[in-house]
Protein backbone atom coordinates (compact mmCIF):
# COMPACT_ATOMS: atom_id res chain seq x y z
CA MET A 1 70.44 -92.65 -8.38
CA THR A 2 67.61 -94.29 -6.49
CA GLY A 3 67.51 -97.10 -3.99
CA PRO A 4 70.37 -99.05 -2.42
CA ALA A 5 73.11 -99.90 -4.88
CA ALA A 6 74.77 -102.57 -2.77
CA GLN A 7 73.81 -104.75 0.16
CA PRO A 8 76.15 -106.27 2.75
CA GLY A 9 76.98 -109.88 2.90
CA GLY A 10 76.13 -110.78 -0.68
CA GLY A 11 78.42 -113.18 -2.53
CA SER A 12 82.08 -112.80 -1.64
CA GLY A 13 81.65 -109.15 -0.53
CA THR A 14 80.24 -105.83 -1.69
CA VAL A 15 82.47 -102.82 -2.15
CA CYS A 16 81.58 -99.16 -2.62
CA VAL A 17 84.26 -97.12 -4.40
CA ILE A 18 83.79 -93.43 -3.68
CA GLY A 19 85.38 -91.31 -6.41
CA GLY A 20 85.70 -92.01 -10.13
CA GLY A 21 89.13 -90.59 -10.89
CA LEU A 22 91.98 -92.78 -12.09
CA ALA A 23 92.49 -94.25 -8.62
CA GLY A 24 88.83 -95.14 -8.25
CA ILE A 25 88.65 -96.55 -11.77
CA ALA A 26 91.73 -98.72 -11.16
CA ALA A 27 90.35 -99.93 -7.82
CA ALA A 28 86.95 -100.80 -9.28
CA ILE A 29 88.50 -102.76 -12.16
CA ARG A 30 90.78 -104.73 -9.84
CA LEU A 31 87.93 -105.49 -7.40
CA ALA A 32 85.61 -106.61 -10.19
CA ASP A 33 88.36 -108.84 -11.57
CA LEU A 34 88.54 -110.45 -8.13
CA GLY A 35 84.86 -111.34 -8.30
CA LEU A 36 83.58 -108.75 -5.85
CA SER A 37 80.32 -106.84 -6.24
CA VAL A 38 81.29 -103.22 -6.85
CA THR A 39 79.42 -99.91 -6.88
CA LEU A 40 81.25 -96.74 -7.90
CA LEU A 41 79.94 -93.30 -6.91
CA GLU A 42 81.24 -90.17 -8.63
CA ALA A 43 80.12 -86.62 -7.90
CA ARG A 44 80.80 -85.30 -11.41
CA PRO A 45 78.84 -86.08 -14.57
CA GLU A 46 81.70 -88.16 -16.01
CA LEU A 47 84.44 -90.43 -14.76
CA GLY A 48 88.08 -89.43 -14.95
CA GLY A 49 88.49 -87.11 -11.95
CA ALA A 50 90.95 -84.33 -12.71
CA THR A 51 91.61 -85.78 -16.18
CA TYR A 52 88.55 -84.66 -18.10
CA SER A 53 87.57 -82.48 -21.05
CA PHE A 54 84.91 -79.93 -21.85
CA ARG A 55 83.51 -78.37 -25.01
CA ARG A 56 84.24 -74.78 -26.01
CA ASP A 57 83.07 -73.38 -29.34
CA GLY A 58 83.03 -76.85 -30.87
CA LEU A 59 86.49 -77.69 -29.51
CA SER A 60 87.21 -80.42 -26.95
CA VAL A 61 89.49 -78.89 -24.34
CA ASP A 62 91.32 -80.77 -21.58
CA THR A 63 91.25 -79.17 -18.15
CA GLY A 64 95.02 -79.58 -18.06
CA GLN A 65 97.83 -80.87 -20.23
CA HIS A 66 98.81 -84.34 -19.04
CA VAL A 67 101.79 -86.39 -20.14
CA PHE A 68 103.14 -89.74 -19.01
CA LEU A 69 106.44 -91.58 -19.15
CA ARG A 70 107.34 -95.01 -20.42
CA CYS A 71 108.04 -96.00 -16.81
CA TYR A 72 104.37 -95.39 -15.88
CA HIS A 73 103.74 -99.11 -16.06
CA ALA A 74 100.53 -99.23 -14.02
CA TYR A 75 99.01 -96.31 -15.94
CA ARG A 76 99.93 -97.81 -19.30
CA ARG A 77 98.40 -101.16 -18.25
CA LEU A 78 95.22 -99.26 -17.44
CA LEU A 79 95.21 -97.69 -20.92
CA ASP A 80 95.64 -101.16 -22.41
CA ARG A 81 92.69 -102.38 -20.37
CA LEU A 82 90.57 -99.41 -21.45
CA GLY A 83 91.54 -100.03 -25.06
CA THR A 84 92.97 -96.53 -25.50
CA ALA A 85 96.72 -97.09 -25.53
CA GLY A 86 96.58 -96.50 -29.27
CA ASP A 87 95.12 -93.05 -28.63
CA THR A 88 98.44 -91.84 -27.25
CA ASN A 89 101.81 -91.08 -28.77
CA LEU A 90 104.84 -92.41 -26.90
CA GLN A 91 108.23 -91.14 -28.06
CA PRO A 92 110.60 -93.79 -29.40
CA GLN A 93 113.27 -92.01 -27.37
CA PHE A 94 113.31 -89.13 -24.91
CA THR A 95 113.53 -85.90 -26.93
CA VAL A 96 112.85 -82.41 -25.58
CA PRO A 97 113.60 -79.22 -27.54
CA VAL A 98 114.57 -76.49 -25.08
CA LEU A 99 113.88 -72.91 -26.12
CA LEU A 100 115.56 -69.74 -24.87
CA PRO A 101 114.54 -66.40 -26.37
CA GLY A 102 117.12 -65.22 -28.86
CA ARG A 103 118.95 -68.57 -29.01
CA GLN A 104 118.80 -71.58 -31.28
CA PRO A 105 116.80 -74.47 -29.78
CA GLN A 106 118.82 -77.00 -27.85
CA VAL A 107 117.57 -80.58 -27.97
CA LEU A 108 117.92 -82.94 -25.04
CA VAL A 109 117.78 -86.43 -26.51
CA ARG A 110 118.79 -89.76 -25.07
CA ARG A 111 121.09 -92.03 -27.01
CA ARG A 112 120.65 -95.75 -27.45
CA LEU A 113 123.14 -96.58 -24.73
CA PRO A 114 122.67 -98.31 -21.37
CA ALA A 115 121.73 -96.14 -18.40
CA PRO A 116 123.09 -93.79 -17.20
CA ALA A 117 125.36 -93.33 -20.24
CA HIS A 118 122.28 -92.70 -22.41
CA LEU A 119 122.09 -89.08 -21.18
CA LEU A 120 125.78 -88.21 -21.24
CA PRO A 121 125.84 -86.97 -24.86
CA ALA A 122 122.77 -84.81 -24.20
CA LEU A 123 124.34 -83.18 -21.16
CA ALA A 124 127.72 -82.80 -22.85
CA GLY A 125 126.14 -80.97 -25.77
CA TYR A 126 123.70 -78.83 -23.81
CA ARG A 127 125.06 -75.41 -24.73
CA LEU A 128 122.67 -73.48 -22.53
CA LEU A 129 125.16 -74.36 -19.77
CA SER A 130 128.89 -73.69 -19.65
CA PRO A 131 131.28 -76.65 -19.95
CA ALA A 132 131.92 -76.46 -16.21
CA GLU A 133 128.19 -76.49 -15.47
CA ARG A 134 127.68 -79.46 -17.76
CA LEU A 135 130.41 -81.42 -15.99
CA ALA A 136 128.91 -80.53 -12.62
CA ALA A 137 125.49 -81.70 -13.85
CA VAL A 138 126.94 -85.07 -14.86
CA ARG A 139 128.49 -85.47 -11.42
CA ALA A 140 125.27 -84.50 -9.67
CA SER A 141 123.32 -86.98 -11.80
CA ALA A 142 125.69 -89.73 -10.74
CA ALA A 143 125.28 -88.76 -7.08
CA LEU A 144 121.48 -88.62 -7.39
CA ARG A 145 121.40 -92.28 -8.37
CA HIS A 146 122.48 -93.08 -4.80
CA VAL A 147 119.89 -90.94 -3.00
CA ASP A 148 117.37 -93.21 -1.25
CA PRO A 149 113.89 -91.67 -1.68
CA ASP A 150 112.44 -93.90 1.04
CA LEU A 151 114.53 -92.47 3.88
CA PRO A 152 112.65 -89.99 6.10
CA ALA A 153 115.68 -87.71 6.16
CA THR A 154 115.58 -87.52 2.38
CA ASP A 155 112.00 -86.30 2.41
CA GLY A 156 112.89 -83.69 5.03
CA ARG A 157 115.33 -81.93 2.72
CA SER A 158 114.64 -79.73 -0.30
CA PHE A 159 115.93 -80.70 -3.71
CA GLY A 160 117.28 -77.18 -4.17
CA ASP A 161 119.41 -77.52 -1.05
CA TRP A 162 120.78 -80.84 -2.32
CA LEU A 163 121.55 -79.38 -5.76
CA ALA A 164 123.42 -76.44 -4.24
CA ALA A 165 125.44 -78.84 -2.09
CA HIS A 166 126.35 -80.74 -5.25
CA GLY A 167 127.74 -77.79 -7.13
CA GLN A 168 124.74 -76.75 -9.22
CA SER A 169 124.70 -73.08 -10.12
CA ARG A 170 121.52 -71.03 -10.11
CA ARG A 171 121.60 -70.99 -13.90
CA ALA A 172 121.97 -74.78 -14.07
CA VAL A 173 118.96 -75.19 -11.81
CA GLN A 174 116.88 -72.83 -13.95
CA ARG A 175 117.99 -74.14 -17.34
CA LEU A 176 118.22 -77.85 -16.59
CA TRP A 177 116.96 -79.26 -13.29
CA ASP A 178 113.79 -77.19 -13.01
CA LEU A 179 112.76 -78.16 -16.54
CA ILE A 180 111.86 -81.53 -15.05
CA THR A 181 111.23 -80.67 -11.41
CA VAL A 182 108.60 -77.98 -11.98
CA ALA A 183 106.73 -80.12 -14.51
CA ALA A 184 106.90 -83.34 -12.48
CA LEU A 185 106.44 -82.02 -8.93
CA ASN A 186 104.54 -78.78 -9.59
CA LEU A 187 107.11 -76.93 -7.48
CA PRO A 188 110.55 -75.48 -8.20
CA SER A 189 113.56 -77.34 -6.84
CA SER A 190 113.95 -74.84 -4.01
CA HIS A 191 110.57 -75.86 -2.59
CA ALA A 192 110.36 -79.53 -3.62
CA SER A 193 111.00 -82.65 -1.56
CA LEU A 194 114.35 -84.28 -2.29
CA ALA A 195 112.71 -87.69 -1.87
CA LEU A 196 110.13 -87.05 -4.58
CA ALA A 197 112.69 -85.40 -6.86
CA ALA A 198 114.97 -88.40 -6.44
CA ARG A 199 112.07 -90.70 -7.34
CA VAL A 200 111.40 -88.68 -10.50
CA PHE A 201 114.99 -88.48 -11.69
CA ARG A 202 116.06 -91.97 -10.65
CA THR A 203 112.99 -93.81 -11.97
CA GLY A 204 112.33 -91.58 -14.95
CA LEU A 205 115.78 -90.72 -16.23
CA LEU A 206 118.71 -92.41 -14.53
CA GLU A 207 118.00 -96.09 -13.90
CA ALA A 208 116.57 -97.32 -17.22
CA ALA A 209 117.50 -95.84 -20.57
CA ASP A 210 113.97 -95.70 -22.00
CA ALA A 211 112.07 -94.91 -18.79
CA GLY A 212 111.75 -91.17 -19.48
CA ASP A 213 110.33 -91.38 -23.00
CA ILE A 214 107.34 -89.01 -22.99
CA GLY A 215 103.81 -89.97 -23.96
CA ARG A 216 100.96 -87.60 -24.84
CA PRO A 217 97.23 -88.10 -25.45
CA LEU A 218 96.02 -87.87 -29.04
CA VAL A 219 92.37 -87.58 -28.00
CA PRO A 220 90.56 -85.55 -25.32
CA LEU A 221 91.13 -86.88 -21.81
CA THR A 222 87.47 -87.78 -21.33
CA ASP A 223 87.74 -90.02 -24.40
CA LEU A 224 91.03 -91.45 -23.17
CA HIS A 225 89.87 -92.27 -19.62
CA GLY A 226 86.31 -91.48 -18.57
CA VAL A 227 84.16 -92.78 -21.42
CA PRO A 228 86.04 -96.06 -21.99
CA ALA A 229 86.27 -96.62 -18.22
CA ARG A 230 82.52 -96.42 -17.85
CA ARG A 231 82.11 -98.81 -20.76
CA LEU A 232 84.59 -101.32 -19.34
CA LEU A 233 83.19 -101.12 -15.81
CA GLY A 234 79.72 -101.80 -17.21
CA ARG A 235 80.97 -104.94 -18.94
CA LEU A 236 82.56 -106.05 -15.66
CA GLY A 237 79.28 -105.66 -13.81
CA VAL A 238 80.27 -102.58 -11.81
CA ARG A 239 77.33 -100.30 -11.00
CA VAL A 240 78.44 -96.75 -11.84
CA HIS A 241 76.51 -93.74 -10.56
CA THR A 242 77.60 -90.27 -11.58
CA ARG A 243 76.28 -87.00 -10.12
CA ALA A 244 76.27 -88.90 -6.81
CA ARG A 245 78.18 -86.84 -4.27
CA VAL A 246 78.82 -88.75 -1.06
CA ARG A 247 78.01 -86.76 2.07
CA TRP A 248 78.90 -89.19 4.86
CA ILE A 249 80.20 -92.67 5.69
CA ARG A 250 78.96 -94.43 8.81
CA PRO A 251 80.51 -97.64 10.17
CA GLU A 252 77.96 -100.33 11.02
CA VAL A 253 78.49 -103.56 12.94
CA THR A 254 79.75 -105.55 9.96
CA GLY A 255 80.01 -102.99 7.18
CA PHE A 256 79.31 -99.40 6.22
CA ARG A 257 76.39 -97.20 5.33
CA ILE A 258 77.07 -94.47 2.79
CA GLY A 259 74.93 -91.39 2.30
CA ALA A 260 74.92 -89.85 -1.17
CA ASP A 261 72.85 -86.97 -2.56
CA ASP A 262 69.58 -88.83 -3.04
CA THR A 263 70.08 -92.24 -1.50
CA GLU A 264 71.78 -94.35 1.12
CA LEU A 265 73.48 -97.65 0.47
CA ASP A 266 75.27 -100.41 2.35
CA ALA A 267 78.55 -102.13 1.59
CA ASP A 268 80.91 -104.56 3.28
CA SER A 269 83.92 -102.44 2.27
CA VAL A 270 84.62 -98.90 1.15
CA VAL A 271 87.43 -97.52 -1.02
CA LEU A 272 87.60 -93.78 -0.37
CA SER A 273 89.21 -92.39 -3.50
CA VAL A 274 88.77 -88.62 -3.36
CA PRO A 275 91.19 -85.68 -2.94
CA HIS A 276 92.79 -85.33 0.47
CA GLN A 277 90.69 -82.37 1.56
CA ALA A 278 87.47 -84.26 0.79
CA ALA A 279 88.83 -87.46 2.33
CA ALA A 280 89.60 -85.66 5.59
CA ALA A 281 85.99 -84.46 5.74
CA LEU A 282 84.43 -87.84 4.89
CA VAL A 283 86.52 -90.44 6.70
CA PRO A 284 84.99 -91.61 10.01
CA PRO A 285 87.10 -90.48 13.00
CA ALA A 286 87.56 -94.08 14.14
CA ALA A 287 89.24 -94.91 10.84
CA ALA A 288 91.78 -92.07 10.84
CA PRO A 289 91.95 -90.03 14.07
CA THR A 290 94.66 -87.80 12.57
CA ALA A 291 92.87 -87.18 9.26
CA GLU A 292 92.92 -83.41 9.80
CA GLN A 293 96.68 -83.57 9.24
CA TRP A 294 96.05 -84.58 5.63
CA ARG A 295 95.03 -81.00 4.99
CA ARG A 296 98.65 -80.02 5.63
CA LEU A 297 99.47 -81.49 2.23
CA GLY A 298 98.07 -78.27 0.81
CA ALA A 299 97.65 -77.64 -2.89
CA ALA A 300 99.70 -76.42 -5.84
CA PRO A 301 98.05 -74.90 -8.94
CA ILE A 302 98.53 -75.32 -12.68
CA VAL A 303 97.38 -72.83 -15.31
CA ASN A 304 97.05 -73.53 -19.02
CA VAL A 305 96.92 -70.75 -21.61
CA HIS A 306 95.38 -71.71 -24.96
CA LEU A 307 96.21 -69.75 -28.12
CA ARG A 308 94.63 -70.59 -31.48
CA TYR A 309 96.70 -69.07 -34.28
CA ALA A 310 95.31 -68.49 -37.74
CA ALA A 311 98.22 -70.41 -39.24
CA LYS A 312 101.05 -72.66 -38.16
CA VAL A 313 103.77 -70.87 -36.17
CA THR A 314 105.99 -73.82 -35.19
CA ASP A 315 106.71 -77.37 -36.32
CA LEU A 316 107.38 -78.50 -32.75
CA GLY A 317 104.81 -80.79 -31.21
CA MET A 318 106.20 -80.19 -27.73
CA ALA A 319 108.93 -77.98 -26.29
CA ALA A 320 110.17 -76.57 -23.00
CA ALA A 321 111.14 -72.95 -22.47
CA VAL A 322 113.62 -71.45 -20.02
CA GLU A 323 113.98 -67.85 -18.84
CA SER A 324 110.62 -67.16 -20.43
CA PRO A 325 107.08 -66.64 -19.13
CA ALA A 326 106.26 -69.88 -20.96
CA GLN A 327 107.23 -73.26 -19.50
CA TRP A 328 106.05 -76.24 -21.57
CA ILE A 329 104.36 -75.74 -24.93
CA PHE A 330 102.17 -78.35 -26.64
CA ASP A 331 100.59 -78.41 -30.08
CA ARG A 332 96.99 -79.55 -29.61
CA SER A 333 95.85 -78.80 -33.15
CA VAL A 334 93.15 -81.04 -34.57
CA PRO A 335 94.68 -83.30 -37.27
CA GLY A 336 93.41 -82.40 -40.71
CA GLY A 337 91.93 -79.16 -39.43
CA SER A 338 91.57 -75.78 -41.04
CA GLY A 339 95.25 -74.88 -40.96
CA GLU A 340 95.01 -73.20 -37.58
CA GLN A 341 97.46 -74.10 -34.84
CA HIS A 342 96.26 -74.58 -31.27
CA LEU A 343 99.14 -74.16 -28.81
CA VAL A 344 98.80 -74.74 -25.09
CA VAL A 345 101.28 -73.21 -22.67
CA SER A 346 101.26 -75.24 -19.45
CA LEU A 347 102.35 -73.32 -16.36
CA SER A 348 103.10 -75.49 -13.34
CA ALA A 349 103.85 -74.15 -9.86
CA ALA A 350 101.49 -71.37 -10.92
CA ASP A 351 101.01 -69.60 -7.58
CA ALA A 352 101.68 -66.24 -9.24
CA GLU A 353 99.38 -66.95 -12.19
CA ILE A 354 96.36 -68.74 -10.70
CA ASP A 355 94.48 -65.53 -9.83
CA ARG A 356 95.91 -63.35 -12.57
CA PRO A 357 93.29 -61.94 -14.98
CA THR A 358 92.81 -63.86 -18.19
CA ALA A 359 93.69 -60.88 -20.38
CA GLU A 360 97.04 -60.47 -18.64
CA LEU A 361 97.89 -64.17 -18.92
CA VAL A 362 97.01 -64.24 -22.60
CA SER A 363 98.99 -61.08 -23.32
CA ALA A 364 102.04 -62.41 -21.49
CA GLN A 365 101.98 -65.72 -23.33
CA ARG A 366 101.36 -64.15 -26.73
CA GLN A 367 104.51 -62.12 -26.21
CA ALA A 368 106.40 -65.14 -24.87
CA LEU A 369 105.54 -67.24 -27.92
CA ALA A 370 106.39 -64.33 -30.23
CA ASP A 371 109.82 -64.24 -28.61
CA LEU A 372 110.25 -68.00 -29.11
CA PHE A 373 108.63 -68.46 -32.54
CA PRO A 374 109.24 -65.63 -35.04
CA ALA A 375 106.21 -66.66 -37.11
CA ALA A 376 103.95 -65.98 -34.11
CA ARG A 377 104.83 -62.28 -34.23
CA HIS A 378 102.70 -61.61 -37.28
CA THR A 379 100.14 -64.43 -37.15
CA PRO A 380 96.70 -63.45 -35.84
CA VAL A 381 95.34 -65.19 -32.77
CA ARG A 382 91.76 -66.21 -33.48
CA ASP A 383 90.93 -67.34 -29.98
CA ALA A 384 92.58 -67.37 -26.58
CA PHE A 385 91.41 -68.66 -23.22
CA VAL A 386 92.71 -69.98 -19.92
CA THR A 387 92.00 -73.08 -17.83
CA ARG A 388 92.91 -73.09 -14.16
CA GLU A 389 93.48 -75.96 -11.74
CA PRO A 390 93.82 -74.39 -8.27
CA ARG A 391 94.34 -77.81 -6.63
CA ALA A 392 96.10 -79.65 -9.42
CA THR A 393 98.37 -81.57 -7.01
CA PHE A 394 99.18 -81.58 -3.36
CA ARG A 395 102.15 -79.40 -2.41
CA GLN A 396 105.06 -81.81 -2.77
CA ALA A 397 107.32 -80.02 -0.31
CA PRO A 398 109.88 -81.39 2.18
CA GLY A 399 108.28 -83.26 5.04
CA THR A 400 104.97 -84.06 3.34
CA ARG A 401 105.42 -87.82 3.38
CA ALA A 402 104.52 -87.78 7.10
CA TYR A 403 101.02 -86.62 6.10
CA ARG A 404 100.47 -89.17 3.31
CA PRO A 405 98.58 -92.17 4.76
CA GLY A 406 98.82 -95.72 3.53
CA ALA A 407 95.85 -97.52 2.03
CA ALA A 408 94.69 -99.26 5.20
CA THR A 409 92.94 -97.34 7.96
CA ARG A 410 92.16 -98.32 11.54
CA LEU A 411 88.77 -99.63 10.43
CA PRO A 412 89.04 -102.93 8.57
CA ARG A 413 87.65 -102.76 5.05
CA LEU A 414 87.72 -98.97 4.82
CA VAL A 415 90.73 -98.08 2.69
CA LEU A 416 92.13 -95.00 1.01
CA ALA A 417 93.22 -94.41 -2.56
CA GLY A 418 94.49 -91.42 -4.51
CA ALA A 419 97.76 -90.03 -5.80
CA TRP A 420 98.08 -88.10 -2.52
CA THR A 421 98.36 -91.27 -0.43
CA ASP A 422 101.70 -92.84 0.43
CA THR A 423 102.48 -94.50 -2.88
CA GLY A 424 106.17 -93.54 -2.84
CA TRP A 425 105.44 -91.69 -6.10
CA PRO A 426 104.72 -88.04 -6.78
CA ASP A 427 101.18 -86.85 -7.41
CA THR A 428 100.91 -88.27 -10.94
CA MET A 429 98.60 -90.44 -12.99
CA GLU A 430 100.91 -93.35 -12.27
CA GLY A 431 100.66 -92.76 -8.54
CA ALA A 432 96.87 -92.58 -8.79
CA VAL A 433 96.55 -95.90 -10.61
CA ARG A 434 99.01 -97.63 -8.29
CA SER A 435 97.09 -96.38 -5.26
CA GLY A 436 93.79 -97.71 -6.61
CA GLU A 437 95.25 -101.13 -7.31
CA ASP A 438 96.91 -101.24 -3.88
CA ALA A 439 93.65 -100.25 -2.18
CA ALA A 440 91.79 -103.01 -4.00
CA ASP A 441 94.35 -105.56 -2.89
CA VAL A 442 94.01 -104.43 0.74
CA VAL A 443 90.22 -104.78 0.52
CA ALA A 444 90.53 -108.26 -0.94
CA ARG A 445 92.89 -109.41 1.81
CA GLN A 446 90.68 -107.96 4.53
CA LEU A 447 87.52 -109.49 3.13
CA LEU A 448 89.21 -112.90 3.09
CA SER A 449 89.96 -112.49 6.80
CA ARG A 450 86.27 -111.88 7.71
CA PRO A 451 84.29 -111.99 9.89
CA ARG A 452 85.46 -109.20 12.16
CA HIS A 453 83.27 -106.54 13.76
CA HIS A 454 84.38 -102.92 13.84
CA SER A 455 83.95 -102.96 17.62
CA GLU A 456 86.52 -105.76 17.80
CA ALA A 457 88.91 -103.93 15.49
CA ALA A 458 88.86 -100.81 17.61
CA SER A 459 89.43 -102.62 20.89
């Protein structure tokens, strides 16, 4: 990237979006739609942030297994805008096979009934729990519908504590509640915020019958997000610069100067859309005097173990496992391929696995899948590898909402975006897109209220 990419005062306002993940993409699209002059800077070679793919032995591999729900309305609108909604598969109704070694699979499936009755048959027939545990789960689900996720006291309590107070046994937590909690919040119930758990269960499962239907990509994530985003942004007139790591942001009298690897540029407004650790290092002190507290959000890892079997070992496209080293299992085989089956075991809340040697992880998951799928016991594994995301999400523990800032900062026209900001949602693709759109709206409102000098704003 050479030369200034944006100059202050031109047209109705120039905006620099720093970070090309889903939040930055969503912000740039919204700002361009509003007629603003937009430049997007991304440190990596491609757009997409944490949702990207790489090549390995001729195979496109996602850095992590991502799914979405029907209730991810902002994210699904983004896919529509990118033209890739058809490159996903969205269940017609929530269906999750649950596997326990040595037992027949149990299938959690919603019925075509109004919420919350749509889940009652699934819970009533869930034989991995005793009848008493199933009844207690129904009662807890009814009580969870009345938990307000926006109350500070709710965020200060763990979901595990709430479940215990509502009669949930340890086995019920392991075999039912943590199926969703660990996958959605990247923490077990015992360590997860009640507020975020309530948001997941209320919005995703309890308030609308079809909200929890699960969607999965059919193409590599770079093809789902990054490549079409760059194409769309180009059509909208957004200047996109990759391999452009921003090193500093300096407030000027009426705008900002941004220093990237090989250039400096000026903009009237900035959308800072990077992970919270990077945001804390980049944001000017006048904009967020307490930015160092963002680091308290911490990080939670995800590990994915890939196994390529010589032949098909299961007909399931997706399944969850309980009381097993495996958690969620996805079939990522290439359609019309050589007959091999590529299974990915996604391990959330992977504090114990993130630094474990690859050989040990592969061995453990080969045995786990052999225990779950009899055909895997005698089918050769042609390839096996591991992808690791040490900072897959922030640590969505009790009390973290206090460290999640809103979009606006103390400096007009410098705003924040990212799934870690205070969206009211967990750290998900939906939260990321919502944050980008919210940030763009804040920028638009603040630009309409110009002129205002930063010295006036700070006084």
